[in-house]
């Protein structure tokens, strides 16, 4: 589906969370920073039930805005807005 081209695969995070040989770990400094950020979100959630922590962009439940966790860092992202706009543009031809 072209309007979901940025979707995440179920196992895509494993490479960043585990350093098993089946999931080769991060290689570049940028990938290592991403892995560290993901581990902070996951461990905060496991410890407290809330993924937010000091120094991290906040995740806000119940809002259309999401966090885009990618090679450029973590940033707020309006998933609904982008895909809604793409849908309407696709109808115009």
Protein backbone atom coordinates (compact mmCIF):
# COMPACT_ATOMS: atom_id res chain seq x y z
CA UNK A 1 0.00 0.00 0.00
CA UNK A 2 1.76 3.15 -1.13
CA UNK A 3 0.27 5.32 1.61
CA UNK A 4 1.82 3.08 4.30
CA UNK A 5 5.34 2.95 2.93
CA UNK A 6 6.82 4.13 6.24
CA UNK A 7 5.18 1.37 8.27
CA UNK A 8 7.27 -0.63 10.71
CA UNK A 9 7.83 -4.34 10.34
CA UNK A 10 7.13 -6.49 13.40
CA UNK A 11 10.74 -7.55 13.89
CA UNK A 12 12.46 -4.37 12.71
CA UNK A 13 13.26 -3.24 16.26
CA UNK A 14 15.00 -6.48 17.23
CA UNK A 15 18.25 -5.45 15.59
CA UNK A 16 18.40 -2.41 17.87
CA UNK A 17 17.24 -4.08 21.07
CA UNK A 18 19.15 -7.35 21.11
CA UNK A 19 22.73 -8.13 20.23
CA UNK A 20 22.21 -11.80 19.33
CA UNK A 21 23.98 -13.14 16.24
CA UNK A 22 20.58 -13.62 14.54
CA UNK A 23 20.04 -9.87 14.84
CA UNK A 24 23.32 -8.15 14.03
CA UNK A 25 23.66 -5.14 16.30
CA UNK A 26 23.98 -1.52 15.29
CA UNK A 27 27.09 -0.67 13.32
CA UNK A 28 27.30 3.10 12.88
CA UNK A 29 27.41 5.67 15.70
CA UNK A 30 24.00 6.91 14.53
CA UNK A 31 22.55 3.39 14.77
CA UNK A 32 24.08 2.92 18.23
CA UNK A 33 22.45 6.17 19.44
CA UNK A 34 19.13 4.99 18.02
CA UNK A 35 19.51 1.64 19.80
CA UNK A 36 20.29 3.38 23.10
CA UNK A 37 17.21 5.61 22.76
CA UNK A 38 14.96 2.64 21.96
CA UNK A 39 16.30 0.70 24.94
CA UNK A 40 15.62 3.72 27.19
CA UNK A 41 11.98 3.88 26.03
CA UNK A 42 11.48 0.12 26.40
CA UNK A 43 13.11 -0.14 29.84
CA UNK A 44 11.25 2.91 31.17
CA UNK A 45 8.00 1.32 30.02
CA UNK A 46 8.90 -2.05 31.59
CA UNK A 47 9.90 -0.36 34.85
CA UNK A 48 7.07 2.17 35.22
CA UNK A 49 4.41 1.50 32.58
CA UNK A 50 5.35 4.85 30.99
CA UNK A 51 7.96 4.99 28.20
CA UNK A 52 8.83 8.65 28.91
CA UNK A 53 12.03 9.54 30.67
CA UNK A 54 14.41 12.42 31.23
CA UNK A 55 16.00 13.81 28.08
CA UNK A 56 13.65 12.00 25.68
CA UNK A 57 10.97 13.55 23.49
CA UNK A 58 7.71 12.70 25.29
CA UNK A 59 5.24 10.14 24.03
CA UNK A 60 1.70 11.39 24.67
CA UNK A 61 -1.05 8.76 24.78
CA UNK A 62 -4.37 9.49 23.14
CA UNK A 63 -3.14 12.02 20.58
CA UNK A 64 -2.65 11.68 16.83
CA UNK A 65 0.99 12.67 17.14
CA UNK A 66 3.48 9.81 17.39
CA UNK A 67 7.22 9.59 17.87
CA UNK A 68 9.27 8.87 14.79
CA UNK A 69 12.28 6.91 16.00
CA UNK A 70 14.78 6.81 13.17
CA UNK A 71 18.36 7.36 12.13
CA UNK A 72 18.00 11.13 12.54
CA UNK A 73 16.90 10.76 16.17
CA UNK A 74 13.50 10.90 17.84
CA UNK A 75 11.00 13.54 16.74
CA UNK A 76 7.26 14.16 16.98
CA UNK A 77 5.40 13.01 13.88
CA UNK A 78 1.74 13.30 12.88
CA UNK A 79 1.11 9.90 11.29
CA UNK A 80 -2.59 10.62 10.81
CA UNK A 81 -1.99 13.97 9.16
CA UNK A 82 0.61 12.69 6.69
CA UNK A 83 -1.35 9.63 5.60
CA UNK A 84 -4.65 11.52 5.49
CA UNK A 85 -3.05 14.09 3.18
CA UNK A 86 -1.50 11.38 1.00
CA UNK A 87 -4.86 9.64 0.68
CA UNK A 88 -6.62 12.78 -0.57
CA UNK A 89 -3.77 13.62 -2.96
CA UNK A 90 -4.01 10.10 -4.42
CA UNK A 91 -7.68 10.68 -5.28
CA UNK A 92 -6.86 13.75 -7.31
CA UNK A 93 -4.82 11.58 -9.66
